[in-house]
Each structure stands twice: as structure tokens, then as C-alpha cells.
Amino acid sequence: MTAGVEFESAVLDEHLRKALSDRPIAHLCLNGVDVLLGGVRPRLVIICGEPGAGKTTLAHQLADGLAQDGRPVLFYSFEIAAPPLVGKSLVRLSEGTLDVASLAGNDAIKCADQAQRAAERYRNEIAPRIAIIERPSDPVEIGALVGICERETGIKPAVFVDYVQLLPTQADQMAADERLAIKASVAGLRRIVNSHEVPVFAISSINRTSYGKAVAGLDSLGGSSAVEYASDQIVYLAVDGKGDERRENLAKPQRPVTATLLKNRYGATGSVRLVFDAEHACFREAER
């Protein structure tokens, strides 16, 4: 039996409620990025850029910040294992007394006291509200866990996916065509945002032909134009400079980076200047 047409008058009150209450549910720890995005809302935000621009570090830092502020976070990491991610969190929490190399290298024993203090901060401030999920999970499974998390905590979680091109799909026939697989993945993330009304931040690769560009176009997104069409906002991270200057900046432990909002479905675009401190696994806003 075919269902009848549901005209807007039947659901208008609910749609009006949502339209008139479209305000941030949280704010990001980097004020410039928060202003650029208009706060954290139930939207699909794509973070893209070439290797070395700090995509995973930025996403992970924002995730930690939301967890510290009391927001449940589901961080899907399909490329980096949980222990190195936690290690980067400890470096950030040490407030400059630790760096990535010392934590993982021969100086680890010398840094034991600082690492222990950072670990206690992580245990108390972040760990109770963040889940780092390494197992392959398609959008259907992610959506199911979002529902479980909201029921158990009473709070809508923020979802982070690292990254779109590694999301598995349920349809075996799509495996032979990367574009179809990516299209299915990003459509699944879109459904999570719409049906669960949660923010989803997903990292996307870019095409190799876009490497080295200060600002790439929307056609630089890797694999499928569906990434562009399904997203609400697209943030492009680029190390500053051109040619030799850019290569020199890319080699620095503290890299000048510009985050440019290439697409904003609900407002203006713009950019913010950042510093990617690779040694301390963190971003900070550039001094003006």
C-alpha cells in the first residue's frame, strides 16, 4: 500500500521548532575555528588538506576539547591507532613540558613524572567522555552507536571520522568503484546528521593534483563530488607560502597554516590563520 502525501501542515510545528532553535550546541576549543564554523551544530563538516597540514591533529584536538567541556565524543580512527592518539593528548595536556618525540623516544623515562601528571588529567578530564573506535564501522553501525550513546548519556554526541575514504560500505558491489563507495559513505554520514541531529566532523583526502596549492577548489576533494554536495561546511587546511617558502614552512616544527572555509551552506565563508605545532601535537591561533 502506497503511503499518502504528508503535506507540510502536518509536521509544521516540529519543523518550526527546529528552524527557530538552530543555535550552537557546543563551542570549539579554538575560538577562530569556532567563529569560522558558527559553533558546533548538527552539520556535516569536512576537514580536508594535503599531508602535513595537520588534519588529524586538528580534528583530534577539537574532539578532546569537546570531551573536556562535557560533550560525549565518538572518534572513529581508521588510520592511527588509539595509543598514539592518547599520547598526543598527553602532550597537549602537559602544556609544553612534553613533546611527541620525547614521549615516544629514549627520553620517555626522563619525562615519566610529566607524563603521569598529564595521564591523570586525561583520565579525569577527557577519557570519561571520549571513545576512540578503531574497528571498521560503516555509517549504519556509526548511526547505531550514536543512538546508544545518546540513550546512555542523555546528551547528543559529536562524531569524528578519520577519514571518509576509509569508511567501509555494506554494498559489496561498490568495492570495485571507489567513487561509488565514497558516495555511499558520505551519504550515510549525511543521514546520521539528519536523523540523529548530531554534528559529524569527517576528514577527507584531496587529489594529488591539488597538493601545494594555498587554497584548492571544491573539485580537489578526493574520490567523489558527493563529498562536496553532501557536506554543510568544508574546511581546507593549507601550509602557508608557495614554492620554496612553502616547502620550508612544511619542514618547520611550527608551521603557519590557513584554514579556509570553502563551503558554508548556511552562511559566509572566510579563513583563519593558525600555527600547527607538530612537536606538541596542537594548533593555536596565529598572532595578529
Protein backbone atom coordinates (compact mmCIF):
# COMPACT_ATOMS: atom_id res chain seq x y z
CA MET A 1 0.00 0.00 0.00
CA THR A 2 1.44 3.36 -1.00
CA ALA A 3 1.67 5.96 1.74
CA GLY A 4 -0.14 9.23 1.22
CA VAL A 5 1.47 12.61 0.78
CA GLU A 6 2.42 14.28 4.06
CA PHE A 7 1.96 17.98 3.46
CA GLU A 8 3.97 20.45 5.48
CA SER A 9 0.95 21.45 7.61
CA ALA A 10 1.09 18.03 9.28
CA VAL A 11 4.66 18.49 10.52
CA LEU A 12 4.97 22.26 10.55
CA ASP A 13 5.22 22.71 14.32
CA GLU A 14 8.17 20.33 14.55
CA HIS A 15 9.93 21.93 11.60
CA LEU A 16 9.36 25.41 13.01
CA ARG A 17 10.73 24.32 16.39
CA LYS A 18 13.92 23.05 14.81
CA ALA A 19 14.33 26.03 12.50
CA LEU A 20 13.89 28.55 15.31
CA SER A 21 16.22 26.70 17.69
CA ASP A 22 19.18 26.37 15.33
CA ARG A 23 21.84 27.51 17.76
CA PRO A 24 25.23 26.01 18.64
CA ILE A 25 25.03 23.04 20.97
CA ALA A 26 28.72 23.50 21.91
CA HIS A 27 31.80 25.54 21.07
CA LEU A 28 35.24 24.51 19.85
CA CYS A 29 38.44 25.00 21.83
CA LEU A 30 40.00 27.07 19.03
CA ASN A 31 38.00 30.29 19.02
CA GLY A 32 38.93 31.28 15.46
CA VAL A 33 37.76 27.94 14.07
CA ASP A 34 34.64 28.10 16.22
CA VAL A 35 33.74 31.53 14.84
CA LEU A 36 34.51 30.37 11.29
CA LEU A 37 32.05 27.48 11.63
CA GLY A 38 29.48 29.32 13.73
CA GLY A 39 29.89 26.95 16.66
CA VAL A 40 29.09 23.25 16.82
CA ARG A 41 25.75 22.39 15.24
CA PRO A 42 24.12 19.28 13.74
CA ARG A 43 26.01 19.58 10.48
CA LEU A 44 28.39 17.58 8.33
CA VAL A 45 31.77 19.33 8.44
CA ILE A 46 34.52 18.11 6.12
CA ILE A 47 38.15 18.84 7.05
CA CYS A 48 40.48 18.43 4.08
CA GLY A 49 44.01 19.31 3.02
CA GLU A 50 47.25 17.76 1.88
CA PRO A 51 49.57 15.63 4.06
CA GLY A 52 51.45 17.66 6.65
CA ALA A 53 48.76 20.29 7.16
CA GLY A 54 47.60 18.65 10.41
CA LYS A 55 44.10 17.39 9.56
CA THR A 56 44.06 14.56 12.09
CA THR A 57 45.71 16.66 14.79
CA LEU A 58 43.14 19.43 14.35
CA ALA A 59 40.19 17.03 14.44
CA HIS A 60 41.59 15.20 17.47
CA GLN A 61 42.32 18.43 19.35
CA LEU A 62 38.77 19.65 18.71
CA ALA A 63 37.40 16.28 19.85
CA ASP A 64 39.41 16.40 23.08
CA GLY A 65 38.19 19.93 23.71
CA LEU A 66 34.54 18.92 23.34
CA ALA A 67 35.08 15.98 25.70
CA GLN A 68 36.69 18.29 28.25
CA ASP A 69 33.62 20.52 28.03
CA GLY A 70 31.30 17.60 28.83
CA ARG A 71 30.20 16.54 25.34
CA PRO A 72 30.34 12.79 24.54
CA VAL A 73 32.61 12.16 21.55
CA LEU A 74 32.83 9.17 19.22
CA PHE A 75 36.20 9.37 17.43
CA TYR A 76 36.50 6.86 14.59
CA SER A 77 40.15 6.40 13.69
CA PHE A 78 40.72 4.09 10.74
CA GLU A 79 44.34 5.06 10.16
CA ILE A 80 46.00 5.85 13.52
CA ALA A 81 45.73 3.50 16.48
CA ALA A 82 44.32 4.68 19.81
CA PRO A 83 47.60 4.66 21.84
CA PRO A 84 49.39 7.23 19.62
CA LEU A 85 46.28 9.42 19.71
CA VAL A 86 46.17 9.25 23.50
CA GLY A 87 49.89 10.04 23.53
CA LYS A 88 49.23 13.22 21.55
CA SER A 89 46.53 14.15 24.04
CA LEU A 90 49.05 13.76 26.87
CA VAL A 91 51.48 16.05 25.05
CA ARG A 92 48.79 18.72 24.73
CA LEU A 93 47.74 18.34 28.35
CA SER A 94 51.35 18.69 29.54
CA GLU A 95 51.26 22.35 28.44
CA GLY A 96 54.69 22.30 26.84
CA THR A 97 56.59 20.03 29.25
CA LEU A 98 56.29 17.06 26.86
CA ASP A 99 56.67 16.73 23.12
CA VAL A 100 55.81 13.89 20.75
CA ALA A 101 59.42 12.77 20.26
CA SER A 102 60.30 12.67 23.97
CA LEU A 103 57.14 10.78 24.88
CA ALA A 104 57.80 8.04 22.33
CA GLY A 105 61.61 8.04 22.33
CA ASN A 106 64.57 7.45 24.58
CA ASP A 107 63.64 10.38 26.82
CA ALA A 108 60.41 8.72 27.96
CA ILE A 109 61.92 7.71 31.33
CA LYS A 110 63.08 11.26 31.99
CA CYS A 111 59.58 12.51 31.20
CA ALA A 112 57.82 9.95 33.40
CA ASP A 113 56.65 12.44 36.03
CA GLN A 114 55.27 14.90 33.48
CA ALA A 115 53.62 12.06 31.55
CA GLN A 116 51.99 10.74 34.70
CA ARG A 117 50.54 14.14 35.55
CA ALA A 118 49.23 14.50 32.01
CA ALA A 119 47.79 10.98 32.19
CA GLU A 120 45.85 11.85 35.33
CA ARG A 121 44.44 14.93 33.64
CA TYR A 122 43.44 12.79 30.65
CA ARG A 123 41.86 10.18 32.94
CA ASN A 124 39.75 12.82 34.70
CA GLU A 125 39.04 15.41 32.03
CA ILE A 126 38.77 13.59 28.70
CA ALA A 127 38.65 9.79 29.00
CA PRO A 128 35.16 9.59 30.60
CA ARG A 129 33.58 11.24 27.56
CA ILE A 130 35.57 10.09 24.51
CA ALA A 131 35.52 6.73 22.74
CA ILE A 132 38.31 6.07 20.23
CA ILE A 133 36.97 3.42 17.86
CA GLU A 134 39.42 1.59 15.62
CA ARG A 135 37.24 -1.23 14.33
CA PRO A 136 35.88 -0.90 10.76
CA SER A 137 32.45 0.69 11.06
CA ASP A 138 30.14 1.69 8.23
CA PRO A 139 27.69 4.60 8.58
CA VAL A 140 24.87 2.28 9.65
CA GLU A 141 26.97 0.98 12.55
CA ILE A 142 28.09 4.52 13.42
CA GLY A 143 24.47 5.69 13.50
CA ALA A 144 23.51 2.81 15.78
CA LEU A 145 26.27 3.69 18.24
CA VAL A 146 25.24 7.36 18.15
CA GLY A 147 21.76 6.30 19.28
CA ILE A 148 23.15 4.10 22.04
CA CYS A 149 25.48 6.86 23.24
CA GLU A 150 22.65 9.39 23.42
CA ARG A 151 20.42 6.98 25.34
CA GLU A 152 23.16 6.13 27.83
CA THR A 153 24.39 9.69 28.43
CA GLY A 154 21.32 11.77 27.73
CA ILE A 155 23.49 14.03 25.53
CA LYS A 156 23.87 14.06 21.76
CA PRO A 157 27.46 13.07 20.93
CA ALA A 158 29.83 14.70 18.47
CA VAL A 159 31.15 12.28 15.84
CA PHE A 160 34.60 12.44 14.24
CA VAL A 161 35.64 10.23 11.31
CA ASP A 162 39.27 9.87 10.18
CA TYR A 163 38.68 9.54 7.33
CA VAL A 164 35.91 9.38 4.69
CA GLN A 165 37.90 7.43 2.11
CA LEU A 166 38.49 4.59 4.60
CA LEU A 167 34.87 4.13 5.65
CA PRO A 168 33.71 0.60 4.79
CA THR A 169 30.46 0.16 2.87
CA GLN A 170 27.89 -2.60 3.18
CA ALA A 171 27.36 -2.95 -0.56
CA ASP A 172 30.00 -5.34 -1.91
CA GLN A 173 29.46 -4.23 -5.49
CA MET A 174 30.66 -0.73 -4.58
CA ALA A 175 34.09 -2.02 -3.61
CA ALA A 176 35.09 -2.14 -7.26
CA ASP A 177 34.31 1.57 -7.75
CA GLU A 178 35.90 3.91 -5.23
CA ARG A 179 33.66 6.79 -6.26
CA LEU A 180 30.50 4.81 -5.55
CA ALA A 181 31.90 3.65 -2.22
CA ILE A 182 32.75 7.22 -1.16
CA LYS A 183 29.35 8.44 -2.36
CA ALA A 184 27.64 5.79 -0.22
CA SER A 185 29.83 6.63 2.78
CA VAL A 186 29.24 10.37 2.73
CA ALA A 187 25.52 9.85 2.11
CA GLY A 188 25.48 7.65 5.20
CA LEU A 189 27.18 10.36 7.28
CA ARG A 190 24.63 12.85 5.94
CA ARG A 191 21.80 10.59 7.17
CA ILE A 192 23.39 10.42 10.63
CA VAL A 193 23.40 14.21 10.87
CA ASN A 194 19.80 14.47 9.69
CA SER A 195 18.25 11.60 11.61
CA HIS A 196 20.14 11.91 14.91
CA GLU A 197 20.69 15.68 14.80
CA VAL A 198 24.34 15.39 15.80
CA PRO A 199 27.47 17.12 14.49
CA VAL A 200 29.74 14.99 12.32
CA PHE A 201 33.31 16.08 11.53
CA ALA A 202 34.92 13.96 8.81
CA ILE A 203 38.42 14.17 7.35
CA SER A 204 38.74 13.84 3.59
CA SER A 205 41.79 13.46 1.41
CA ILE A 206 42.34 15.67 -1.62
CA ASN A 207 43.50 14.86 -5.13
CA ARG A 208 47.27 14.82 -5.62
CA THR A 209 46.93 17.46 -8.32
CA SER A 210 45.86 19.90 -5.60
CA TYR A 211 48.97 19.39 -3.46
CA GLY A 212 50.94 22.57 -2.89
CA LYS A 213 48.04 24.94 -3.50
CA ALA A 214 47.41 27.66 -0.92
CA VAL A 215 43.67 27.30 -1.48
CA ALA A 216 42.25 24.50 -3.57
CA GLY A 217 38.82 24.40 -5.16
CA LEU A 218 35.95 22.16 -4.21
CA ASP A 219 36.94 19.86 -7.07
CA SER A 220 40.07 18.94 -5.08
CA LEU A 221 38.14 16.67 -2.71
CA GLY A 222 39.33 13.12 -3.13
CA GLY A 223 37.32 10.44 -4.87
CA SER A 224 33.85 11.81 -5.43
CA SER A 225 31.95 15.07 -5.88
CA ALA A 226 29.43 13.65 -3.42
CA VAL A 227 31.71 14.82 -0.59
CA GLU A 228 31.12 18.39 -1.72
CA TYR A 229 27.39 18.03 -2.30
CA ALA A 230 26.54 16.23 0.95
CA SER A 231 28.55 18.42 3.31
CA ASP A 232 27.36 21.57 5.04
CA GLN A 233 30.80 23.06 5.57
CA ILE A 234 34.22 22.30 4.09
CA VAL A 235 37.41 23.45 5.82
CA TYR A 236 40.60 23.37 3.77
CA LEU A 237 43.92 23.34 5.65
CA ALA A 238 46.98 24.59 3.78
CA VAL A 239 50.52 25.29 4.88
CA ASP A 240 51.27 28.92 4.01
CA GLY A 241 53.55 30.03 1.20
CA LYS A 242 54.37 28.99 -2.36
CA GLY A 243 57.25 27.06 -3.86
CA ASP A 244 60.41 27.05 -1.74
CA GLU A 245 58.80 29.12 1.01
CA ARG A 246 56.02 26.61 1.41
CA ARG A 247 58.43 23.65 1.42
CA GLU A 248 60.45 25.40 4.13
CA ASN A 249 57.30 26.03 6.17
CA LEU A 250 56.24 22.40 5.76
CA ALA A 251 59.57 21.28 7.25
CA LYS A 252 59.24 23.50 10.31
CA PRO A 253 58.07 22.03 13.63
CA GLN A 254 55.76 25.05 13.94
CA ARG A 255 54.02 25.53 10.62
CA PRO A 256 51.92 28.54 9.60
CA VAL A 257 48.60 27.17 8.36
CA THR A 258 45.49 28.83 6.98
CA ALA A 259 42.09 27.23 7.50
CA THR A 260 39.75 28.34 4.72
CA LEU A 261 36.02 27.67 4.71
CA LEU A 262 35.45 26.65 1.08
CA LYS A 263 31.76 25.94 1.54
CA ASN A 264 29.23 27.11 4.08
CA ARG A 265 25.68 26.05 3.34
CA TYR A 266 24.23 28.37 5.98
CA GLY A 267 26.41 31.45 5.95
CA ALA A 268 29.51 33.26 4.76
CA THR A 269 32.90 31.75 4.00
CA GLY A 270 36.22 33.06 5.31
CA SER A 271 39.55 31.97 6.76
CA VAL A 272 41.57 31.94 9.95
CA ARG A 273 45.33 31.81 10.40
CA LEU A 274 46.70 29.09 12.67
CA VAL A 275 50.02 27.65 13.79
CA PHE A 276 50.40 23.87 13.65
CA ASP A 277 52.89 22.93 16.37
CA ALA A 278 53.75 19.42 15.21
CA GLU A 279 56.18 18.78 18.08
CA HIS A 280 53.42 19.40 20.63
CA ALA A 281 50.56 17.92 18.58
CA CYS A 282 48.44 21.05 18.73
CA PHE A 283 47.10 24.02 16.86
CA ARG A 284 46.96 27.54 18.21
CA GLU A 285 45.75 30.75 16.70
CA ALA A 286 48.39 32.83 14.95
CA GLU A 287 49.30 36.15 16.48
CA ARG A 288 48.00 39.10 14.55
